[in-house]
Amino acid sequence: MFGLFGKDWNVVAVMFERSDLYRVNGQRAKGKAATKAKDGARLHERTIMWAVFDQKGALLESGEGPASMQIGAKVVQQLQRELRTNRTVLDIMKALETKESANLSKPLVWTGYPRKAPPPRDD
């Protein structure tokens, strides 16, 4: 599949900033740099999840990162389900595919952030 043309990937990582803010980082990379970008996203300590797409937007591979343990399994599952349709991710993918930018980072606009626990009541 990659024999004639080599790798030309869009690597996307959702990074933990704080409990109510994640960041989507995207990078377009080719050849050995594509593998290095994927490994960097996969192994970074703040990565919640990462994904590799081809230039047509097809998901090639994805997985959870080390920071997925900080946010809980339900939130990670919801993020995995919604990643390919999230507006922030789609905007980054479009910019990478059209070569508008080779690297991009934006705050994740998402309704699935974990709710904060209410403060204790003083009765």
PDB file of N, CA and C in Angstrom:
ATOM      1  N   MET A   1       0.821  -1.189   0.000  1.00  0.00           N
ATOM      2  CA  MET A   1       0.000   0.000   0.000  1.00  0.00           C
ATOM      3  C   MET A   1       0.867   1.256   0.000  1.00  0.00           C
ATOM      4  N   PHE A   2       1.925   1.282   0.807  1.00  0.00           N
ATOM      5  CA  PHE A   2       2.770   2.460   0.878  1.00  0.00           C
ATOM      6  C   PHE A   2       4.018   2.315   0.014  1.00  0.00           C
ATOM      7  N   GLY A   3       4.177   1.194  -0.672  1.00  0.00           N
ATOM      8  CA  GLY A   3       5.405   0.892  -1.376  1.00  0.00           C
ATOM      9  C   GLY A   3       5.838   1.935  -2.398  1.00  0.00           C
ATOM     10  N   LEU A   4       4.936   2.374  -3.256  1.00  0.00           N
ATOM     11  CA  LEU A   4       5.321   3.299  -4.313  1.00  0.00           C
ATOM     12  C   LEU A   4       5.401   4.745  -3.843  1.00  0.00           C
ATOM     13  N   PHE A   5       4.509   5.137  -2.982  1.00  0.00           N
ATOM     14  CA  PHE A   5       4.395   6.546  -2.639  1.00  0.00           C
ATOM     15  C   PHE A   5       4.935   6.895  -1.262  1.00  0.00           C
ATOM     16  N   GLY A   6       5.201   5.943  -0.403  1.00  0.00           N
ATOM     17  CA  GLY A   6       5.683   6.225   0.944  1.00  0.00           C
ATOM     18  C   GLY A   6       4.563   6.718   1.840  1.00  0.00           C
ATOM     19  N   LYS A   7       4.925   6.949   3.073  1.00  0.00           N
ATOM     20  CA  LYS A   7       3.953   7.410   4.064  1.00  0.00           C
ATOM     21  C   LYS A   7       3.743   8.910   3.908  1.00  0.00           C
ATOM     22  N   ASP A   8       2.512   9.326   3.988  1.00  0.00           N
ATOM     23  CA  ASP A   8       2.152  10.741   4.047  1.00  0.00           C
ATOM     24  C   ASP A   8       0.963  10.805   4.993  1.00  0.00           C
ATOM     25  N   TRP A   9       1.249  11.008   6.260  1.00  0.00           N
ATOM     26  CA  TRP A   9       0.245  10.879   7.303  1.00  0.00           C
ATOM     27  C   TRP A   9      -0.081  12.211   7.951  1.00  0.00           C
ATOM     28  N   ASN A  10      -1.294  12.269   8.474  1.00  0.00           N
ATOM     29  CA  ASN A  10      -1.689  13.321   9.391  1.00  0.00           C
ATOM     30  C   ASN A  10      -1.810  12.664  10.764  1.00  0.00           C
ATOM     31  N   VAL A  11      -0.964  13.082  11.679  1.00  0.00           N
ATOM     32  CA  VAL A  11      -0.955  12.527  13.029  1.00  0.00           C
ATOM     33  C   VAL A  11      -1.652  13.529  13.942  1.00  0.00           C
ATOM     34  N   VAL A  12      -2.680  13.057  14.637  1.00  0.00           N
ATOM     35  CA  VAL A  12      -3.464  13.906  15.531  1.00  0.00           C
ATOM     36  C   VAL A  12      -3.361  13.339  16.939  1.00  0.00           C
ATOM     37  N   ALA A  13      -3.123  14.221  17.902  1.00  0.00           N
ATOM     38  CA  ALA A  13      -3.061  13.807  19.306  1.00  0.00           C
ATOM     39  C   ALA A  13      -3.943  14.732  20.132  1.00  0.00           C
ATOM     40  N   VAL A  14      -4.727  14.139  21.019  1.00  0.00           N
ATOM     41  CA  VAL A  14      -5.516  14.916  21.977  1.00  0.00           C
ATOM     42  C   VAL A  14      -4.726  14.917  23.276  1.00  0.00           C
ATOM     43  N   MET A  15      -4.357  16.111  23.711  1.00  0.00           N
ATOM     44  CA  MET A  15      -3.466  16.276  24.859  1.00  0.00           C
ATOM     45  C   MET A  15      -4.232  16.812  26.064  1.00  0.00           C
ATOM     46  N   PHE A  16      -3.864  16.338  27.244  1.00  0.00           N
ATOM     47  CA  PHE A  16      -4.460  16.799  28.495  1.00  0.00           C
ATOM     48  C   PHE A  16      -3.804  18.117  28.901  1.00  0.00           C
ATOM     49  N   GLU A  17      -4.626  19.164  29.056  1.00  0.00           N
ATOM     50  CA  GLU A  17      -4.148  20.445  29.583  1.00  0.00           C
ATOM     51  C   GLU A  17      -4.599  20.589  31.037  1.00  0.00           C
ATOM     52  N   ARG A  18      -5.893  20.403  31.236  1.00  0.00           N
ATOM     53  CA  ARG A  18      -6.498  20.367  32.568  1.00  0.00           C
ATOM     54  C   ARG A  18      -7.826  19.625  32.420  1.00  0.00           C
ATOM     55  N   SER A  19      -8.513  19.377  33.524  1.00  0.00           N
ATOM     56  CA  SER A  19      -9.689  18.500  33.467  1.00  0.00           C
ATOM     57  C   SER A  19     -10.801  19.028  32.561  1.00  0.00           C
ATOM     58  N   ASP A  20     -10.855  20.339  32.354  1.00  0.00           N
ATOM     59  CA  ASP A  20     -11.902  20.895  31.501  1.00  0.00           C
ATOM     60  C   ASP A  20     -11.349  21.490  30.204  1.00  0.00           C
ATOM     61  N   LEU A  21     -10.125  21.118  29.841  1.00  0.00           N
ATOM     62  CA  LEU A  21      -9.534  21.610  28.598  1.00  0.00           C
ATOM     63  C   LEU A  21      -8.517  20.610  28.059  1.00  0.00           C
ATOM     64  N   TYR A  22      -8.780  20.135  26.847  1.00  0.00           N
ATOM     65  CA  TYR A  22      -7.834  19.298  26.133  1.00  0.00           C
ATOM     66  C   TYR A  22      -7.401  20.073  24.890  1.00  0.00           C
ATOM     67  N   ARG A  23      -6.286  19.695  24.333  1.00  0.00           N
ATOM     68  CA  ARG A  23      -5.756  20.374  23.149  1.00  0.00           C
ATOM     69  C   ARG A  23      -5.556  19.341  22.045  1.00  0.00           C
ATOM     70  N   VAL A  24      -5.915  19.724  20.825  1.00  0.00           N
ATOM     71  CA  VAL A  24      -5.710  18.861  19.665  1.00  0.00           C
ATOM     72  C   VAL A  24      -4.480  19.362  18.919  1.00  0.00           C
ATOM     73  N   ASN A  25      -3.486  18.506  18.798  1.00  0.00           N
ATOM     74  CA  ASN A  25      -2.275  18.815  18.039  1.00  0.00           C
ATOM     75  C   ASN A  25      -2.288  17.975  16.770  1.00  0.00           C
ATOM     76  N   GLY A  26      -1.996  18.605  15.652  1.00  0.00           N
ATOM     77  CA  GLY A  26      -1.949  17.895  14.384  1.00  0.00           C
ATOM     78  C   GLY A  26      -0.646  18.155  13.667  1.00  0.00           C
ATOM     79  N   GLN A  27      -0.157  17.138  12.977  1.00  0.00           N
ATOM     80  CA  GLN A  27       1.095  17.270  12.246  1.00  0.00           C
ATOM     81  C   GLN A  27       1.020  16.440  10.973  1.00  0.00           C
ATOM     82  N   ARG A  28       1.414  17.046   9.865  1.00  0.00           N
ATOM     83  CA  ARG A  28       1.531  16.303   8.612  1.00  0.00           C
ATOM     84  C   ARG A  28       2.987  15.903   8.457  1.00  0.00           C
ATOM     85  N   ALA A  29       3.227  14.624   8.214  1.00  0.00           N
ATOM     86  CA  ALA A  29       4.606  14.139   8.113  1.00  0.00           C
ATOM     87  C   ALA A  29       4.694  13.048   7.051  1.00  0.00           C
ATOM     88  N   LYS A  30       5.882  12.938   6.458  1.00  0.00           N
ATOM     89  CA  LYS A  30       6.115  11.950   5.398  1.00  0.00           C
ATOM     90  C   LYS A  30       7.297  11.058   5.750  1.00  0.00           C
ATOM     91  N   GLY A  31       7.275   9.839   5.228  1.00  0.00           N
ATOM     92  CA  GLY A  31       8.397   8.910   5.369  1.00  0.00           C
ATOM     93  C   GLY A  31       8.727   8.576   6.809  1.00  0.00           C
ATOM     94  N   LYS A  32      10.025   8.586   7.127  1.00  0.00           N
ATOM     95  CA  LYS A  32      10.467   8.261   8.483  1.00  0.00           C
ATOM     96  C   LYS A  32       9.967   9.281   9.492  1.00  0.00           C
ATOM     97  N   ALA A  33       9.794  10.517   9.060  1.00  0.00           N
ATOM     98  CA  ALA A  33       9.280  11.556   9.960  1.00  0.00           C
ATOM     99  C   ALA A  33       7.849  11.241  10.390  1.00  0.00           C
ATOM    100  N   ALA A  34       7.089  10.554   9.540  1.00  0.00           N
ATOM    101  CA  ALA A  34       5.718  10.179   9.884  1.00  0.00           C
ATOM    102  C   ALA A  34       5.709   9.177  11.036  1.00  0.00           C
ATOM    103  N   THR A  35       6.589   8.194  10.974  1.00  0.00           N
ATOM    104  CA  THR A  35       6.686   7.212  12.058  1.00  0.00           C
ATOM    105  C   THR A  35       7.150   7.883  13.341  1.00  0.00           C
ATOM    106  N   LYS A  36       8.091   8.787  13.227  1.00  0.00           N
ATOM    107  CA  LYS A  36       8.594   9.513  14.395  1.00  0.00           C
ATOM    108  C   LYS A  36       7.491  10.378  15.012  1.00  0.00           C
ATOM    109  N   ALA A  37       6.682  11.029  14.179  1.00  0.00           N
ATOM    110  CA  ALA A  37       5.576  11.852  14.675  1.00  0.00           C
ATOM    111  C   ALA A  37       4.542  10.993  15.398  1.00  0.00           C
ATOM    112  N   LYS A  38       4.237   9.832  14.820  1.00  0.00           N
ATOM    113  CA  LYS A  38       3.275   8.919  15.454  1.00  0.00           C
ATOM    114  C   LYS A  38       3.790   8.448  16.809  1.00  0.00           C
ATOM    115  N   ASP A  39       5.045   8.041  16.858  1.00  0.00           N
ATOM    116  CA  ASP A  39       5.623   7.559  18.111  1.00  0.00           C
ATOM    117  C   ASP A  39       5.686   8.668  19.154  1.00  0.00           C
ATOM    118  N   GLY A  40       5.994   9.872  18.723  1.00  0.00           N
ATOM    119  CA  GLY A  40       6.018  11.005  19.649  1.00  0.00           C
ATOM    120  C   GLY A  40       4.655  11.275  20.245  1.00  0.00           C
ATOM    121  N   ALA A  41       3.622  11.243  19.411  1.00  0.00           N
ATOM    122  CA  ALA A  41       2.259  11.461  19.902  1.00  0.00           C
ATOM    123  C   ALA A  41       1.825  10.319  20.816  1.00  0.00           C
ATOM    124  N   ARG A  42       2.146   9.107  20.424  1.00  0.00           N
ATOM    125  CA  ARG A  42       1.721   7.918  21.172  1.00  0.00           C
ATOM    126  C   ARG A  42       2.349   7.855  22.558  1.00  0.00           C
ATOM    127  N   LEU A  43       3.587   8.288  22.678  1.00  0.00           N
ATOM    128  CA  LEU A  43       4.328   8.120  23.927  1.00  0.00           C
ATOM    129  C   LEU A  43       4.365   9.362  24.818  1.00  0.00           C
ATOM    130  N   HIS A  44       3.893  10.489  24.334  1.00  0.00           N
ATOM    131  CA  HIS A  44       3.954  11.720  25.129  1.00  0.00           C
ATOM    132  C   HIS A  44       3.125  11.555  26.400  1.00  0.00           C
ATOM    133  N   GLU A  45       3.641  12.032  27.509  1.00  0.00           N
ATOM    134  CA  GLU A  45       2.996  11.819  28.815  1.00  0.00           C
ATOM    135  C   GLU A  45       1.629  12.481  28.938  1.00  0.00           C
ATOM    136  N   ARG A  46       1.329  13.506  28.147  1.00  0.00           N
ATOM    137  CA  ARG A  46       0.031  14.178  28.240  1.00  0.00           C
ATOM    138  C   ARG A  46      -0.952  13.737  27.162  1.00  0.00           C
ATOM    139  N   THR A  47      -0.596  12.752  26.355  1.00  0.00           N
ATOM    140  CA  THR A  47      -1.483  12.284  25.290  1.00  0.00           C
ATOM    141  C   THR A  47      -2.617  11.451  25.873  1.00  0.00           C
ATOM    142  N   ILE A  48      -3.842  11.871  25.589  1.00  0.00           N
ATOM    143  CA  ILE A  48      -5.031  11.103  25.970  1.00  0.00           C
ATOM    144  C   ILE A  48      -5.290  10.046  24.906  1.00  0.00           C
ATOM    145  N   MET A  49      -5.293  10.479  23.659  1.00  0.00           N
ATOM    146  CA  MET A  49      -5.422   9.545  22.548  1.00  0.00           C
ATOM    147  C   MET A  49      -4.751  10.129  21.316  1.00  0.00           C
ATOM    148  N   TRP A  50      -4.383   9.250  20.407  1.00  0.00           N
ATOM    149  CA  TRP A  50      -3.706   9.647  19.179  1.00  0.00           C
ATOM    150  C   TRP A  50      -4.335   8.894  18.018  1.00  0.00           C
ATOM    151  N   ALA A  51      -4.186   9.464  16.825  1.00  0.00           N
ATOM    152  CA  ALA A  51      -4.727   8.825  15.629  1.00  0.00           C
ATOM    153  C   ALA A  51      -3.866   9.198  14.428  1.00  0.00           C
ATOM    154  N   VAL A  52      -3.786   8.275  13.488  1.00  0.00           N
ATOM    155  CA  VAL A  52      -3.051   8.497  12.247  1.00  0.00           C
ATOM    156  C   VAL A  52      -4.048   8.373  11.097  1.00  0.00           C
ATOM    157  N   PHE A  53      -4.072   9.395  10.248  1.00  0.00           N
ATOM    158  CA  PHE A  53      -4.965   9.434   9.095  1.00  0.00           C
ATOM    159  C   PHE A  53      -4.134   9.559   7.820  1.00  0.00           C
ATOM    160  N   ASP A  54      -4.666   9.018   6.718  1.00  0.00           N
ATOM    161  CA  ASP A  54      -4.017   9.278   5.435  1.00  0.00           C
ATOM    162  C   ASP A  54      -4.531  10.612   4.897  1.00  0.00           C
ATOM    163  N   GLN A  55      -4.090  11.002   3.705  1.00  0.00           N
ATOM    164  CA  GLN A  55      -4.458  12.310   3.172  1.00  0.00           C
ATOM    165  C   GLN A  55      -5.890  12.370   2.648  1.00  0.00           C
ATOM    166  N   LYS A  56      -6.571  11.243   2.617  1.00  0.00           N
ATOM    167  CA  LYS A  56      -7.981  11.221   2.236  1.00  0.00           C
ATOM    168  C   LYS A  56      -8.882  11.203   3.460  1.00  0.00           C
ATOM    169  N   GLY A  57      -8.281  11.226   4.650  1.00  0.00           N
ATOM    170  CA  GLY A  57      -9.049  11.256   5.886  1.00  0.00           C
ATOM    171  C   GLY A  57      -9.378   9.897   6.465  1.00  0.00           C
ATOM    172  N   ALA A  58      -8.866   8.829   5.871  1.00  0.00           N
ATOM    173  CA  ALA A  58      -9.132   7.483   6.386  1.00  0.00           C
ATOM    174  C   ALA A  58      -8.264   7.227   7.619  1.00  0.00           C
ATOM    175  N   LEU A  59      -8.888   6.695   8.649  1.00  0.00           N
ATOM    176  CA  LEU A  59      -8.175   6.352   9.877  1.00  0.00           C
ATOM    177  C   LEU A  59      -7.332   5.105   9.633  1.00  0.00           C
ATOM    178  N   LEU A  60      -6.020   5.231   9.857  1.00  0.00           N
ATOM    179  CA  LEU A  60      -5.109   4.103   9.663  1.00  0.00           C
ATOM    180  C   LEU A  60      -4.866   3.352  10.965  1.00  0.00           C
ATOM    181  N   GLU A  61      -4.680   4.088  12.051  1.00  0.00           N
ATOM    182  CA  GLU A  61      -4.522   3.473  13.370  1.00  0.00           C
ATOM    183  C   GLU A  61      -4.733   4.531  14.438  1.00  0.00           C
ATOM    184  N   SER A  62      -5.049   4.066  15.636  1.00  0.00           N
ATOM    185  CA  SER A  62      -5.263   4.980  16.759  1.00  0.00           C
ATOM    186  C   SER A  62      -5.090   4.211  18.060  1.00  0.00           C
ATOM    187  N   GLY A  63      -5.027   4.955  19.143  1.00  0.00           N
ATOM    188  CA  GLY A  63      -4.899   4.315  20.440  1.00  0.00           C
ATOM    189  C   GLY A  63      -4.923   5.327  21.568  1.00  0.00           C
ATOM    190  N   GLU A  64      -4.927   4.801  22.771  1.00  0.00           N
ATOM    191  CA  GLU A  64      -4.909   5.640  23.964  1.00  0.00           C
ATOM    192  C   GLU A  64      -3.472   5.963  24.331  1.00  0.00           C
ATOM    193  N   GLY A  65      -3.290   7.138  24.916  1.00  0.00           N
ATOM    194  CA  GLY A  65      -1.979   7.545  25.384  1.00  0.00           C
ATOM    195  C   GLY A  65      -1.886   7.445  26.894  1.00  0.00           C
ATOM    196  N   PRO A  66      -0.724   7.758  27.450  1.00  0.00           N
ATOM    197  CA  PRO A  66      -0.504   7.652  28.894  1.00  0.00           C
ATOM    198  C   PRO A  66      -1.470   8.484  29.744  1.00  0.00           C
ATOM    199  N   ALA A  67      -1.913   9.635  29.264  1.00  0.00           N
ATOM    200  CA  ALA A  67      -2.787  10.506  30.057  1.00  0.00           C
ATOM    201  C   ALA A  67      -4.235  10.033  30.079  1.00  0.00           C
ATOM    202  N   SER A  68      -4.569   8.986  29.334  1.00  0.00           N
ATOM    203  CA  SER A  68      -5.948   8.489  29.342  1.00  0.00           C
ATOM    204  C   SER A  68      -6.349   7.994  30.731  1.00  0.00           C
ATOM    205  N   MET A  69      -5.366   7.607  31.534  1.00  0.00           N
ATOM    206  CA  MET A  69      -5.644   7.141  32.896  1.00  0.00           C
ATOM    207  C   MET A  69      -6.139   8.276  33.794  1.00  0.00           C
ATOM    208  N   GLN A  70      -5.844   9.515  33.444  1.00  0.00           N
ATOM    209  CA  GLN A  70      -6.217  10.657  34.277  1.00  0.00           C
ATOM    210  C   GLN A  70      -7.676  11.062  34.124  1.00  0.00           C
ATOM    211  N   ILE A  71      -8.331  10.638  33.052  1.00  0.00           N
ATOM    212  CA  ILE A  71      -9.666  11.180  32.793  1.00  0.00           C
ATOM    213  C   ILE A  71     -10.793  10.169  32.895  1.00  0.00           C
ATOM    214  N   GLY A  72     -10.510   8.912  33.013  1.00  0.00           N
ATOM    215  CA  GLY A  72     -11.558   7.915  33.177  1.00  0.00           C
ATOM    216  C   GLY A  72     -11.962   7.251  31.871  1.00  0.00           C
ATOM    217  N   ALA A  73     -12.334   6.004  31.978  1.00  0.00           N
ATOM    218  CA  ALA A  73     -12.631   5.175  30.808  1.00  0.00           C
ATOM    219  C   ALA A  73     -13.838   5.674  30.020  1.00  0.00           C
ATOM    220  N   LYS A  74     -14.893   6.149  30.709  1.00  0.00           N
ATOM    221  CA  LYS A  74     -16.095   6.607  30.003  1.00  0.00           C
ATOM    222  C   LYS A  74     -15.799   7.811  29.118  1.00  0.00           C
ATOM    223  N   VAL A  75     -15.002   8.730  29.626  1.00  0.00           N
ATOM    224  CA  VAL A  75     -14.662   9.929  28.858  1.00  0.00           C
ATOM    225  C   VAL A  75     -13.793   9.547  27.660  1.00  0.00           C
ATOM    226  N   VAL A  76     -12.856   8.636  27.860  1.00  0.00           N
ATOM    227  CA  VAL A  76     -11.988   8.185  26.766  1.00  0.00           C
ATOM    228  C   VAL A  76     -12.822   7.508  25.683  1.00  0.00           C
ATOM    229  N   GLN A  77     -13.762   6.652  26.074  1.00  0.00           N
ATOM    230  CA  GLN A  77     -14.609   5.967  25.103  1.00  0.00           C
ATOM    231  C   GLN A  77     -15.437   6.958  24.297  1.00  0.00           C
ATOM    232  N   GLN A  78     -15.987   7.964  24.978  1.00  0.00           N
ATOM    233  CA  GLN A  78     -16.776   8.975  24.277  1.00  0.00           C
ATOM    234  C   GLN A  78     -15.896   9.757  23.300  1.00  0.00           C
ATOM    235  N   LEU A  79     -14.708  10.103  23.733  1.00  0.00           N
ATOM    236  CA  LEU A  79     -13.778  10.830  22.868  1.00  0.00           C
ATOM    237  C   LEU A  79     -13.400   9.986  21.650  1.00  0.00           C
ATOM    238  N   GLN A  80     -13.178   8.700  21.843  1.00  0.00           N
ATOM    239  CA  GLN A  80     -12.855   7.809  20.722  1.00  0.00           C
ATOM    240  C   GLN A  80     -14.000   7.756  19.715  1.00  0.00           C
ATOM    241  N   ARG A  81     -15.228   7.687  20.212  1.00  0.00           N
ATOM    242  CA  ARG A  81     -16.395   7.635  19.325  1.00  0.00           C
ATOM    243  C   ARG A  81     -16.548   8.920  18.519  1.00  0.00           C
ATOM    244  N   GLU A  82     -16.270  10.054  19.156  1.00  0.00           N
ATOM    245  CA  GLU A  82     -16.563  11.346  18.544  1.00  0.00           C
ATOM    246  C   GLU A  82     -15.367  11.999  17.855  1.00  0.00           C
ATOM    247  N   LEU A  83     -14.196  11.414  17.944  1.00  0.00           N
ATOM    248  CA  LEU A  83     -12.983  12.047  17.417  1.00  0.00           C
ATOM    249  C   LEU A  83     -13.096  12.381  15.934  1.00  0.00           C
ATOM    250  N   ARG A  84     -13.560  11.454  15.130  1.00  0.00           N
ATOM    251  CA  ARG A  84     -13.589  11.653  13.673  1.00  0.00           C
ATOM    252  C   ARG A  84     -14.651  12.632  13.221  1.00  0.00           C
ATOM    253  N   THR A  85     -15.595  12.991  14.101  1.00  0.00           N
ATOM    254  CA  THR A  85     -16.643  13.941  13.723  1.00  0.00           C
ATOM    255  C   THR A  85     -16.547  15.254  14.492  1.00  0.00           C
ATOM    256  N   ASN A  86     -15.562  15.386  15.354  1.00  0.00           N
ATOM    257  CA  ASN A  86     -15.407  16.605  16.144  1.00  0.00           C
ATOM    258  C   ASN A  86     -14.963  17.760  15.243  1.00  0.00           C
ATOM    259  N   ARG A  87     -15.603  18.914  15.404  1.00  0.00           N
ATOM    260  CA  ARG A  87     -15.328  20.070  14.555  1.00  0.00           C
ATOM    261  C   ARG A  87     -13.866  20.521  14.659  1.00  0.00           C
ATOM    262  N   THR A  88     -13.296  20.548  15.853  1.00  0.00           N
ATOM    263  CA  THR A  88     -11.902  20.966  16.011  1.00  0.00           C
ATOM    264  C   THR A  88     -10.970  20.029  15.247  1.00  0.00           C
ATOM    265  N   VAL A  89     -11.188  18.738  15.379  1.00  0.00           N
ATOM    266  CA  VAL A  89     -10.354  17.747  14.687  1.00  0.00           C
ATOM    267  C   VAL A  89     -10.526  17.880  13.175  1.00  0.00           C
ATOM    268  N   LEU A  90     -11.760  18.059  12.718  1.00  0.00           N
ATOM    269  CA  LEU A  90     -12.003  18.204  11.282  1.00  0.00           C
ATOM    270  C   LEU A  90     -11.322  19.448  10.718  1.00  0.00           C
ATOM    271  N   ASP A  91     -11.346  20.547  11.467  1.00  0.00           N
ATOM    272  CA  ASP A  91     -10.672  21.774  11.022  1.00  0.00           C
ATOM    273  C   ASP A  91      -9.163  21.563  10.902  1.00  0.00           C
ATOM    274  N   ILE A  92      -8.589  20.890  11.879  1.00  0.00           N
ATOM    275  CA  ILE A  92      -7.149  20.615  11.842  1.00  0.00           C
ATOM    276  C   ILE A  92      -6.818  19.681  10.679  1.00  0.00           C
ATOM    277  N   MET A  93      -7.623  18.652  10.492  1.00  0.00           N
ATOM    278  CA  MET A  93      -7.386  17.714   9.391  1.00  0.00           C
ATOM    279  C   MET A  93      -7.451  18.427   8.035  1.00  0.00           C
ATOM    280  N   LYS A  94      -8.422  19.312   7.873  1.00  0.00           N
ATOM    281  CA  LYS A  94      -8.554  20.040   6.608  1.00  0.00           C
ATOM    282  C   LYS A  94      -7.317  20.896   6.350  1.00  0.00           C
ATOM    283  N   ALA A  95      -6.840  21.597   7.380  1.00  0.00           N
ATOM    284  CA  ALA A  95      -5.651  22.443   7.231  1.00  0.00           C
ATOM    285  C   ALA A  95      -4.422  21.605   6.881  1.00  0.00           C
ATOM    286  N   LEU A  96      -4.305  20.425   7.473  1.00  0.00           N
ATOM    287  CA  LEU A  96      -3.166  19.554   7.174  1.00  0.00           C
ATOM    288  C   LEU A  96      -3.265  18.974   5.760  1.00  0.00           C
ATOM    289  N   GLU A  97      -4.452  18.533   5.383  1.00  0.00           N
ATOM    290  CA  GLU A  97      -4.636  17.915   4.068  1.00  0.00           C
ATOM    291  C   GLU A  97      -4.416  18.906   2.934  1.00  0.00           C
ATOM    292  N   THR A  98      -4.815  20.166   3.132  1.00  0.00           N
ATOM    293  CA  THR A  98      -4.663  21.182   2.086  1.00  0.00           C
ATOM    294  C   THR A  98      -3.309  21.875   2.149  1.00  0.00           C
ATOM    295  N   LYS A  99      -2.445  21.424   3.042  1.00  0.00           N
ATOM    296  CA  LYS A  99      -1.102  21.982   3.238  1.00  0.00           C
ATOM    297  C   LYS A  99      -1.139  23.450   3.657  1.00  0.00           C
ATOM    298  N   GLU A 100      -2.262  23.872   4.247  1.00  0.00           N
ATOM    299  CA  GLU A 100      -2.355  25.220   4.809  1.00  0.00           C
ATOM    300  C   GLU A 100      -1.336  25.378   5.936  1.00  0.00           C
ATOM    301  N   SER A 101      -1.120  24.275   6.648  1.00  0.00           N
ATOM    302  CA  SER A 101      -0.143  24.252   7.730  1.00  0.00           C
ATOM    303  C   SER A 101       0.372  22.826   7.891  1.00  0.00           C
ATOM    304  N   ALA A 102       1.638  22.689   8.306  1.00  0.00           N
ATOM    305  CA  ALA A 102       2.199  21.357   8.550  1.00  0.00           C
ATOM    306  C   ALA A 102       2.028  20.949  10.002  1.00  0.00           C
ATOM    307  N   ASN A 103       1.896  21.928  10.899  1.00  0.00           N
ATOM    308  CA  ASN A 103       1.678  21.689  12.332  1.00  0.00           C
ATOM    309  C   ASN A 103       0.585  22.638  12.793  1.00  0.00           C
ATOM    310  N   LEU A 104      -0.290  22.138  13.649  1.00  0.00           N
ATOM    311  CA  LEU A 104      -1.389  22.959  14.129  1.00  0.00           C
ATOM    312  C   LEU A 104      -1.788  22.505  15.517  1.00  0.00           C
ATOM    313  N   SER A 105      -2.233  23.438  16.337  1.00  0.00           N
ATOM    314  CA  SER A 105      -2.683  23.117  17.686  1.00  0.00           C
ATOM    315  C   SER A 105      -3.848  24.029  18.033  1.00  0.00           C
ATOM    316  N   LYS A 106      -4.942  23.423  18.512  1.00  0.00           N
ATOM    317  CA  LYS A 106      -6.131  24.190  18.895  1.00  0.00           C
ATOM    318  C   LYS A 106      -6.752  23.566  20.136  1.00  0.00           C
ATOM    319  N   PRO A 107      -7.406  24.387  20.972  1.00  0.00           N
ATOM    320  CA  PRO A 107      -8.158  23.828  22.097  1.00  0.00           C
ATOM    321  C   PRO A 107      -9.322  22.986  21.564  1.00  0.00           C
ATOM    322  N   LEU A 108      -9.585  21.866  22.207  1.00  0.00           N
ATOM    323  CA  LEU A 108     -10.669  20.984  21.792  1.00  0.00           C
ATOM    324  C   LEU A 108     -12.004  21.557  22.246  1.00  0.00           C
ATOM    325  N   VAL A 109     -12.856  21.880  21.289  1.00  0.00           N
ATOM    326  CA  VAL A 109     -14.220  22.303  21.594  1.00  0.00           C
ATOM    327  C   VAL A 109     -15.046  21.024  21.617  1.00  0.00           C
ATOM    328  N   TRP A 110     -15.595  20.712  22.810  1.00  0.00           N
ATOM    329  CA  TRP A 110     -16.235  19.411  22.998  1.00  0.00           C
ATOM    330  C   TRP A 110     -17.197  19.476  24.171  1.00  0.00           C
ATOM    331  N   THR A 111     -18.333  18.822  24.053  1.00  0.00           N
ATOM    332  CA  THR A 111     -19.320  18.810  25.136  1.00  0.00           C
ATOM    333  C   THR A 111     -19.125  17.640  26.091  1.00  0.00           C
ATOM    334  N   GLY A 112     -18.128  16.803  25.869  1.00  0.00           N
ATOM    335  CA  GLY A 112     -17.942  15.603  26.677  1.00  0.00           C
ATOM    336  C   GLY A 112     -16.983  15.734  27.840  1.00  0.00           C
ATOM    337  N   TYR A 113     -16.515  16.962  28.128  1.00  0.00           N
ATOM    338  CA  TYR A 113     -15.598  17.116  29.260  1.00  0.00           C
ATOM    339  C   TYR A 113     -16.265  16.622  30.541  1.00  0.00           C
ATOM    340  N   PRO A 114     -15.494  15.989  31.438  1.00  0.00           N
ATOM    341  CA  PRO A 114     -16.075  15.528  32.708  1.00  0.00           C
ATOM    342  C   PRO A 114     -16.610  16.716  33.502  1.00  0.00           C
ATOM    343  N   ARG A 115     -17.733  16.496  34.126  1.00  0.00           N
ATOM    344  CA  ARG A 115     -18.323  17.561  34.944  1.00  0.00           C
ATOM    345  C   ARG A 115     -17.572  17.653  36.263  1.00  0.00           C
ATOM    346  N   LYS A 116     -17.412  18.891  36.716  1.00  0.00           N
ATOM    347  CA  LYS A 116     -16.762  19.095  38.008  1.00  0.00           C
ATOM    348  C   LYS A 116     -17.725  18.715  39.122  1.00  0.00           C
ATOM    349  N   ALA A 117     -17.180  18.161  40.181  1.00  0.00           N
ATOM    350  CA  ALA A 117     -18.005  17.801  41.339  1.00  0.00           C
ATOM    351  C   ALA A 117     -18.498  19.085  42.002  1.00  0.00           C
ATOM    352  N   PRO A 118     -19.758  19.104  42.431  1.00  0.00           N
ATOM    353  CA  PRO A 118     -20.262  20.308  43.097  1.00  0.00           C
ATOM    354  C   PRO A 118     -19.561  20.504  44.438  1.00  0.00           C
ATOM    355  N   PRO A 119     -19.426  21.749  44.864  1.00  0.00           N
ATOM    356  CA  PRO A 119     -18.788  21.988  46.164  1.00  0.00           C
ATOM    357  C   PRO A 119     -19.641  21.415  47.295  1.00  0.00           C
ATOM    358  N   PRO A 120     -19.028  21.065  48.408  1.00  0.00           N
ATOM    359  CA  PRO A 120     -19.803  20.518  49.527  1.00  0.00           C
ATOM    360  C   PRO A 120     -20.790  21.559  50.050  1.00  0.00           C
ATOM    361  N   ARG A 121     -21.946  21.065  50.443  1.00  0.00           N
ATOM    362  CA  ARG A 121     -22.994  21.960  50.948  1.00  0.00           C
ATOM    363  C   ARG A 121     -22.814  22.172  52.437  1.00  0.00           C
ATOM    364  N   ASP A 122     -23.018  23.390  52.862  1.00  0.00           N
ATOM    365  CA  ASP A 122     -22.963  23.725  54.290  1.00  0.00           C
ATOM    366  C   ASP A 122     -24.386  23.806  54.823  1.00  0.00           C
ATOM    367  N   ASP A 123     -24.877  22.720  55.380  1.00  0.00           N
ATOM    368  CA  ASP A 123     -26.251  22.709  55.924  1.00  0.00           C
ATOM    369  C   ASP A 123     -26.258  22.925  57.404  1.00  0.00           C
TER     370      ASP A 123
END
